Structures are given as C-alpha cells and as structure tokens.
Amino acid sequence: MVSSLRKFAPRREHKERGQISSRKKLGFLEKHKDYVLRARDYNEKQRQLKRLRERASTRNPDEFYFNMEKSQMQDG
C-alpha cells in the first residue's frame, strides 16, 4: 500500500547547472532539454524532406490537369 502511494508523491526535479560567468562570452549554453527540442525539430524536417523527395520521385511525369494551363509557377 505504502509503496504504491510513493509513486504518486511529488519528486524533486533535478536541475542542470547554469553557465559560469567566465564563459558567458562564448554564448548560450545549450542544456539537454534545448538539445532535445532542436533534435526533434531537425528530425521532423528531415522526415518531411524525405517524404517530399519520395513523392517527387514517384510522380507521374505524364500527369495532366486542366488547371495546369491556367496557373503560373512562382519562383520555380
């Protein structure tokens, strides 16, 4: 009974140390949570690019829509 209640008790959060003042000139000190956000964002963008490349490679070059005659390409 007591062991099951211990799981729900609030636990102390482990904090990462801050950057020391002598190294402030080197810029922002990336912490683990910052790295995780950056890595997830990067991987999501890579997955998106891979998906777009796959769609472009499997596209039928002979495909035609009448709307293509009226529309114009921009920056392409």
PDB file of N, CA and C in Angstrom:
ATOM      1  N   MET A   1       0.826  -1.197   0.000  1.00  0.00           N
ATOM      2  CA  MET A   1       0.000   0.000   0.000  1.00  0.00           C
ATOM      3  C   MET A   1       0.865   1.254   0.000  1.00  0.00           C
ATOM      4  N   VAL A   2       1.840   1.273   0.909  1.00  0.00           N
ATOM      5  CA  VAL A   2       2.684   2.459   1.007  1.00  0.00           C
ATOM      6  C   VAL A   2       3.566   2.611  -0.230  1.00  0.00           C
ATOM      7  N   SER A   3       4.041   1.490  -0.758  1.00  0.00           N
ATOM      8  CA  SER A   3       4.911   1.573  -1.931  1.00  0.00           C
ATOM      9  C   SER A   3       4.160   2.089  -3.158  1.00  0.00           C
ATOM     10  N   SER A   4       2.889   1.771  -3.265  1.00  0.00           N
ATOM     11  CA  SER A   4       2.116   2.268  -4.403  1.00  0.00           C
ATOM     12  C   SER A   4       1.837   3.760  -4.272  1.00  0.00           C
ATOM     13  N   LEU A   5       1.702   4.258  -3.037  1.00  0.00           N
ATOM     14  CA  LEU A   5       1.489   5.689  -2.837  1.00  0.00           C
ATOM     15  C   LEU A   5       2.758   6.487  -3.081  1.00  0.00           C
ATOM     16  N   ARG A   6       3.896   5.867  -2.890  1.00  0.00           N
ATOM     17  CA  ARG A   6       5.164   6.566  -3.075  1.00  0.00           C
ATOM     18  C   ARG A   6       5.391   6.972  -4.532  1.00  0.00           C
ATOM     19  N   LYS A   7       4.793   6.235  -5.460  1.00  0.00           N
ATOM     20  CA  LYS A   7       4.942   6.549  -6.884  1.00  0.00           C
ATOM     21  C   LYS A   7       4.309   7.900  -7.219  1.00  0.00           C
ATOM     22  N   PHE A   8       3.244   8.245  -6.523  1.00  0.00           N
ATOM     23  CA  PHE A   8       2.496   9.455  -6.848  1.00  0.00           C
ATOM     24  C   PHE A   8       2.952  10.677  -6.061  1.00  0.00           C
ATOM     25  N   ALA A   9       3.870  10.484  -5.145  1.00  0.00           N
ATOM     26  CA  ALA A   9       4.370  11.617  -4.365  1.00  0.00           C
ATOM     27  C   ALA A   9       5.226  12.499  -5.272  1.00  0.00           C
ATOM     28  N   PRO A  10       5.134  13.820  -5.122  1.00  0.00           N
ATOM     29  CA  PRO A  10       5.944  14.705  -5.979  1.00  0.00           C
ATOM     30  C   PRO A  10       7.431  14.511  -5.720  1.00  0.00           C
ATOM     31  N   ARG A  11       8.179  14.392  -6.780  1.00  0.00           N
ATOM     32  CA  ARG A  11       9.622  14.176  -6.664  1.00  0.00           C
ATOM     33  C   ARG A  11      10.357  15.463  -6.969  1.00  0.00           C
ATOM     34  N   ARG A  12      11.529  15.590  -6.409  1.00  0.00           N
ATOM     35  CA  ARG A  12      12.332  16.778  -6.632  1.00  0.00           C
ATOM     36  C   ARG A  12      12.906  16.736  -8.044  1.00  0.00           C
ATOM     37  N   GLU A  13      12.771  17.845  -8.749  1.00  0.00           N
ATOM     38  CA  GLU A  13      13.261  17.909 -10.117  1.00  0.00           C
ATOM     39  C   GLU A  13      14.758  18.189 -10.107  1.00  0.00           C
ATOM     40  N   HIS A  14      15.513  17.441 -10.901  1.00  0.00           N
ATOM     41  CA  HIS A  14      16.948  17.655 -10.986  1.00  0.00           C
ATOM     42  C   HIS A  14      17.215  18.810 -11.925  1.00  0.00           C
ATOM     43  N   LYS A  15      17.927  19.807 -11.433  1.00  0.00           N
ATOM     44  CA  LYS A  15      18.207  20.987 -12.244  1.00  0.00           C
ATOM     45  C   LYS A  15      19.619  20.912 -12.800  1.00  0.00           C
ATOM     46  N   GLU A  16      19.753  21.437 -14.007  1.00  0.00           N
ATOM     47  CA  GLU A  16      21.085  21.490 -14.606  1.00  0.00           C
ATOM     48  C   GLU A  16      21.779  22.755 -14.157  1.00  0.00           C
ATOM     49  N   ARG A  17      23.086  22.692 -14.074  1.00  0.00           N
ATOM     50  CA  ARG A  17      23.845  23.857 -13.639  1.00  0.00           C
ATOM     51  C   ARG A  17      23.833  24.929 -14.706  1.00  0.00           C
ATOM     52  N   GLY A  18      23.924  26.171 -14.261  1.00  0.00           N
ATOM     53  CA  GLY A  18      23.973  27.289 -15.182  1.00  0.00           C
ATOM     54  C   GLY A  18      25.375  27.489 -15.728  1.00  0.00           C
ATOM     55  N   GLN A  19      25.482  28.384 -16.665  1.00  0.00           N
ATOM     56  CA  GLN A  19      26.775  28.678 -17.265  1.00  0.00           C
ATOM     57  C   GLN A  19      27.569  29.610 -16.347  1.00  0.00           C
ATOM     58  N   ILE A  20      28.842  29.313 -16.146  1.00  0.00           N
ATOM     59  CA  ILE A  20      29.657  30.163 -15.283  1.00  0.00           C
ATOM     60  C   ILE A  20      29.958  31.478 -15.990  1.00  0.00           C
ATOM     61  N   SER A  21      30.148  32.526 -15.189  1.00  0.00           N
ATOM     62  CA  SER A  21      30.257  33.872 -15.746  1.00  0.00           C
ATOM     63  C   SER A  21      31.473  34.039 -16.651  1.00  0.00           C
ATOM     64  N   SER A  22      32.533  33.278 -16.415  1.00  0.00           N
ATOM     65  CA  SER A  22      33.722  33.425 -17.255  1.00  0.00           C
ATOM     66  C   SER A  22      33.512  32.884 -18.674  1.00  0.00           C
ATOM     67  N   ARG A  23      32.459  32.092 -18.866  1.00  0.00           N
ATOM     68  CA  ARG A  23      32.189  31.530 -20.190  1.00  0.00           C
ATOM     69  C   ARG A  23      30.970  32.168 -20.867  1.00  0.00           C
ATOM     70  N   LYS A  24      30.428  33.221 -20.278  1.00  0.00           N
ATOM     71  CA  LYS A  24      29.269  33.905 -20.859  1.00  0.00           C
ATOM     72  C   LYS A  24      29.586  34.457 -22.244  1.00  0.00           C
ATOM     73  N   LYS A  25      30.836  34.840 -22.461  1.00  0.00           N
ATOM     74  CA  LYS A  25      31.222  35.431 -23.746  1.00  0.00           C
ATOM     75  C   LYS A  25      31.127  34.432 -24.896  1.00  0.00           C
ATOM     76  N   LEU A  26      31.081  33.146 -24.577  1.00  0.00           N
ATOM     77  CA  LEU A  26      31.000  32.116 -25.620  1.00  0.00           C
ATOM     78  C   LEU A  26      29.581  31.911 -26.139  1.00  0.00           C
ATOM     79  N   GLY A  27      28.607  32.548 -25.479  1.00  0.00           N
ATOM     80  CA  GLY A  27      27.240  32.466 -25.969  1.00  0.00           C
ATOM     81  C   GLY A  27      26.377  31.548 -25.127  1.00  0.00           C
ATOM     82  N   PHE A  28      25.232  31.220 -25.677  1.00  0.00           N
ATOM     83  CA  PHE A  28      24.211  30.438 -24.983  1.00  0.00           C
ATOM     84  C   PHE A  28      24.710  29.025 -24.697  1.00  0.00           C
ATOM     85  N   LEU A  29      24.519  28.567 -23.465  1.00  0.00           N
ATOM     86  CA  LEU A  29      24.888  27.207 -23.089  1.00  0.00           C
ATOM     87  C   LEU A  29      23.669  26.308 -23.296  1.00  0.00           C
ATOM     88  N   GLU A  30      23.780  25.392 -24.236  1.00  0.00           N
ATOM     89  CA  GLU A  30      22.648  24.533 -24.571  1.00  0.00           C
ATOM     90  C   GLU A  30      22.508  23.430 -23.531  1.00  0.00           C
ATOM     91  N   LYS A  31      21.325  23.343 -22.964  1.00  0.00           N
ATOM     92  CA  LYS A  31      21.028  22.299 -21.993  1.00  0.00           C
ATOM     93  C   LYS A  31      20.408  21.103 -22.721  1.00  0.00           C
ATOM     94  N   HIS A  32      20.221  20.022 -22.004  1.00  0.00           N
ATOM     95  CA  HIS A  32      19.696  18.804 -22.621  1.00  0.00           C
ATOM     96  C   HIS A  32      18.308  19.025 -23.198  1.00  0.00           C
ATOM     97  N   LYS A  33      17.453  19.729 -22.466  1.00  0.00           N
ATOM     98  CA  LYS A  33      16.091  19.938 -22.979  1.00  0.00           C
ATOM     99  C   LYS A  33      16.106  20.796 -24.244  1.00  0.00           C
ATOM    100  N   ASP A  34      17.066  21.721 -24.341  1.00  0.00           N
ATOM    101  CA  ASP A  34      17.199  22.526 -25.559  1.00  0.00           C
ATOM    102  C   ASP A  34      17.656  21.652 -26.723  1.00  0.00           C
ATOM    103  N   TYR A  35      18.607  20.760 -26.441  1.00  0.00           N
ATOM    104  CA  TYR A  35      19.104  19.848 -27.473  1.00  0.00           C
ATOM    105  C   TYR A  35      17.982  18.943 -27.975  1.00  0.00           C
ATOM    106  N   VAL A  36      17.177  18.440 -27.048  1.00  0.00           N
ATOM    107  CA  VAL A  36      16.088  17.537 -27.432  1.00  0.00           C
ATOM    108  C   VAL A  36      15.108  18.245 -28.362  1.00  0.00           C
ATOM    109  N   LEU A  37      14.745  19.495 -28.029  1.00  0.00           N
ATOM    110  CA  LEU A  37      13.842  20.248 -28.890  1.00  0.00           C
ATOM    111  C   LEU A  37      14.451  20.476 -30.270  1.00  0.00           C
ATOM    112  N   ARG A  38      15.731  20.844 -30.293  1.00  0.00           N
ATOM    113  CA  ARG A  38      16.411  21.105 -31.566  1.00  0.00           C
ATOM    114  C   ARG A  38      16.510  19.836 -32.397  1.00  0.00           C
ATOM    115  N   ALA A  39      16.825  18.714 -31.741  1.00  0.00           N
ATOM    116  CA  ALA A  39      16.965  17.442 -32.455  1.00  0.00           C
ATOM    117  C   ALA A  39      15.628  16.970 -33.013  1.00  0.00           C
ATOM    118  N   ARG A  40      14.559  17.120 -32.227  1.00  0.00           N
ATOM    119  CA  ARG A  40      13.235  16.709 -32.719  1.00  0.00           C
ATOM    120  C   ARG A  40      12.818  17.549 -33.917  1.00  0.00           C
ATOM    121  N   ASP A  41      13.063  18.843 -33.829  1.00  0.00           N
ATOM    122  CA  ASP A  41      12.718  19.737 -34.933  1.00  0.00           C
ATOM    123  C   ASP A  41      13.498  19.366 -36.189  1.00  0.00           C
ATOM    124  N   TYR A  42      14.800  19.108 -36.020  1.00  0.00           N
ATOM    125  CA  TYR A  42      15.652  18.738 -37.157  1.00  0.00           C
ATOM    126  C   TYR A  42      15.180  17.434 -37.784  1.00  0.00           C
ATOM    127  N   ASN A  43      14.898  16.438 -36.949  1.00  0.00           N
ATOM    128  CA  ASN A  43      14.478  15.138 -37.472  1.00  0.00           C
ATOM    129  C   ASN A  43      13.126  15.221 -38.164  1.00  0.00           C
ATOM    130  N   GLU A  44      12.226  16.046 -37.636  1.00  0.00           N
ATOM    131  CA  GLU A  44      10.924  16.218 -38.281  1.00  0.00           C
ATOM    132  C   GLU A  44      11.094  16.851 -39.662  1.00  0.00           C
ATOM    133  N   LYS A  45      11.972  17.841 -39.758  1.00  0.00           N
ATOM    134  CA  LYS A  45      12.223  18.477 -41.051  1.00  0.00           C
ATOM    135  C   LYS A  45      12.867  17.501 -42.028  1.00  0.00           C
ATOM    136  N   GLN A  46      13.762  16.648 -41.553  1.00  0.00           N
ATOM    137  CA  GLN A  46      14.383  15.653 -42.423  1.00  0.00           C
ATOM    138  C   GLN A  46      13.358  14.639 -42.921  1.00  0.00           C
ATOM    139  N   ARG A  47      12.431  14.229 -42.031  1.00  0.00           N
ATOM    140  CA  ARG A  47      11.366  13.303 -42.448  1.00  0.00           C
ATOM    141  C   ARG A  47      10.476  13.944 -43.515  1.00  0.00           C
ATOM    142  N   GLN A  48      10.173  15.229 -43.321  1.00  0.00           N
ATOM    143  CA  GLN A  48       9.333  15.949 -44.286  1.00  0.00           C
ATOM    144  C   GLN A  48      10.029  16.018 -45.648  1.00  0.00           C
ATOM    145  N   LEU A  49      11.330  16.340 -45.647  1.00  0.00           N
ATOM    146  CA  LEU A  49      12.063  16.407 -46.908  1.00  0.00           C
ATOM    147  C   LEU A  49      12.130  15.045 -47.593  1.00  0.00           C
ATOM    148  N   LYS A  50      12.326  14.002 -46.794  1.00  0.00           N
ATOM    149  CA  LYS A  50      12.378  12.649 -47.354  1.00  0.00           C
ATOM    150  C   LYS A  50      11.040  12.285 -47.997  1.00  0.00           C
ATOM    151  N   ARG A  51       9.947  12.646 -47.300  1.00  0.00           N
ATOM    152  CA  ARG A  51       8.611  12.372 -47.829  1.00  0.00           C
ATOM    153  C   ARG A  51       8.390  13.117 -49.138  1.00  0.00           C
ATOM    154  N   LEU A  52       8.822  14.379 -49.195  1.00  0.00           N
ATOM    155  CA  LEU A  52       8.664  15.157 -50.423  1.00  0.00           C
ATOM    156  C   LEU A  52       9.497  14.592 -51.569  1.00  0.00           C
ATOM    157  N   ARG A  53      10.724  14.149 -51.259  1.00  0.00           N
ATOM    158  CA  ARG A  53      11.571  13.540 -52.291  1.00  0.00           C
ATOM    159  C   ARG A  53      10.951  12.259 -52.833  1.00  0.00           C
ATOM    160  N   GLU A  54      10.380  11.443 -51.944  1.00  0.00           N
ATOM    161  CA  GLU A  54       9.735  10.201 -52.376  1.00  0.00           C
ATOM    162  C   GLU A  54       8.536  10.495 -53.278  1.00  0.00           C
ATOM    163  N   ARG A  55       7.741  11.495 -52.883  1.00  0.00           N
ATOM    164  CA  ARG A  55       6.581  11.850 -53.701  1.00  0.00           C
ATOM    165  C   ARG A  55       7.013  12.382 -55.057  1.00  0.00           C
ATOM    166  N   ALA A  56       8.091  13.164 -55.085  1.00  0.00           N
ATOM    167  CA  ALA A  56       8.572  13.708 -56.357  1.00  0.00           C
ATOM    168  C   ALA A  56       9.120  12.597 -57.243  1.00  0.00           C
ATOM    169  N   SER A  57       9.765  11.586 -56.647  1.00  0.00           N
ATOM    170  CA  SER A  57      10.337  10.513 -57.459  1.00  0.00           C
ATOM    171  C   SER A  57       9.271   9.567 -57.994  1.00  0.00           C
ATOM    172  N   THR A  58       8.160   9.418 -57.280  1.00  0.00           N
ATOM    173  CA  THR A  58       7.105   8.510 -57.736  1.00  0.00           C
ATOM    174  C   THR A  58       6.028   9.235 -58.543  1.00  0.00           C
ATOM    175  N   ARG A  59       6.212  10.524 -58.774  1.00  0.00           N
ATOM    176  CA  ARG A  59       5.228  11.316 -59.521  1.00  0.00           C
ATOM    177  C   ARG A  59       5.200  10.882 -60.983  1.00  0.00           C
ATOM    178  N   ASN A  60       4.035  10.871 -61.547  1.00  0.00           N
ATOM    179  CA  ASN A  60       3.871  10.516 -62.951  1.00  0.00           C
ATOM    180  C   ASN A  60       4.153  11.762 -63.796  1.00  0.00           C
ATOM    181  N   PRO A  61       5.187  11.760 -64.639  1.00  0.00           N
ATOM    182  CA  PRO A  61       5.502  12.959 -65.424  1.00  0.00           C
ATOM    183  C   PRO A  61       4.457  13.261 -66.502  1.00  0.00           C
ATOM    184  N   ASP A  62       3.658  12.274 -66.876  1.00  0.00           N
ATOM    185  CA  ASP A  62       2.643  12.475 -67.905  1.00  0.00           C
ATOM    186  C   ASP A  62       1.304  12.932 -67.337  1.00  0.00           C
ATOM    187  N   GLU A  63       1.255  13.116 -65.999  1.00  0.00           N
ATOM    188  CA  GLU A  63       0.009  13.525 -65.365  1.00  0.00           C
ATOM    189  C   GLU A  63      -0.370  14.941 -65.808  1.00  0.00           C
ATOM    190  N   PHE A  64      -1.647  15.139 -66.069  1.00  0.00           N
ATOM    191  CA  PHE A  64      -2.083  16.442 -66.570  1.00  0.00           C
ATOM    192  C   PHE A  64      -3.435  16.806 -65.970  1.00  0.00           C
ATOM    193  N   TYR A  65      -3.555  18.072 -65.559  1.00  0.00           N
ATOM    194  CA  TYR A  65      -4.822  18.625 -65.112  1.00  0.00           C
ATOM    195  C   TYR A  65      -5.078  19.885 -65.925  1.00  0.00           C
ATOM    196  N   PHE A  66      -6.339  20.170 -66.228  1.00  0.00           N
ATOM    197  CA  PHE A  66      -6.650  21.371 -66.994  1.00  0.00           C
ATOM    198  C   PHE A  66      -6.292  22.636 -66.229  1.00  0.00           C
ATOM    199  N   ASN A  67      -6.292  22.556 -64.923  1.00  0.00           N
ATOM    200  CA  ASN A  67      -5.926  23.705 -64.106  1.00  0.00           C
ATOM    201  C   ASN A  67      -4.458  24.120 -64.345  1.00  0.00           C
ATOM    202  N   MET A  68      -3.645  23.189 -64.836  1.00  0.00           N
ATOM    203  CA  MET A  68      -2.235  23.494 -65.101  1.00  0.00           C
ATOM    204  C   MET A  68      -2.086  24.521 -66.208  1.00  0.00           C
ATOM    205  N   GLU A  69      -3.029  24.588 -67.133  1.00  0.00           N
ATOM    206  CA  GLU A  69      -2.939  25.561 -68.223  1.00  0.00           C
ATOM    207  C   GLU A  69      -3.139  26.988 -67.725  1.00  0.00           C
ATOM    208  N   LYS A  70      -3.987  27.158 -66.719  1.00  0.00           N
ATOM    209  CA  LYS A  70      -4.318  28.480 -66.230  1.00  0.00           C
ATOM    210  C   LYS A  70      -3.342  28.984 -65.177  1.00  0.00           C
ATOM    211  N   SER A  71      -2.742  28.094 -64.419  1.00  0.00           N
ATOM    212  CA  SER A  71      -1.889  28.519 -63.306  1.00  0.00           C
ATOM    213  C   SER A  71      -0.476  28.838 -63.789  1.00  0.00           C
ATOM    214  N   GLN A  72       0.207  29.676 -63.012  1.00  0.00           N
ATOM    215  CA  GLN A  72       1.581  30.049 -63.328  1.00  0.00           C
ATOM    216  C   GLN A  72       2.485  29.647 -62.186  1.00  0.00           C
ATOM    217  N   MET A  73       3.737  29.308 -62.512  1.00  0.00           N
ATOM    218  CA  MET A  73       4.715  28.960 -61.488  1.00  0.00           C
ATOM    219  C   MET A  73       5.298  30.233 -60.888  1.00  0.00           C
ATOM    220  N   GLN A  74       5.548  30.187 -59.613  1.00  0.00           N
ATOM    221  CA  GLN A  74       6.188  31.304 -58.924  1.00  0.00           C
ATOM    222  C   GLN A  74       7.483  30.808 -58.300  1.00  0.00           C
ATOM    223  N   ASP A  75       8.581  31.471 -58.556  1.00  0.00           N
ATOM    224  CA  ASP A  75       9.892  31.126 -58.002  1.00  0.00           C
ATOM    225  C   ASP A  75      10.247  29.671 -58.277  1.00  0.00           C
ATOM    226  N   GLY A  76       9.978  29.198 -59.441  1.00  0.00           N
ATOM    227  CA  GLY A  76      10.283  27.803 -59.700  1.00  0.00           C
ATOM    228  C   GLY A  76      10.681  27.591 -61.092  1.00  0.00           C
TER     229      GLY A  76
END
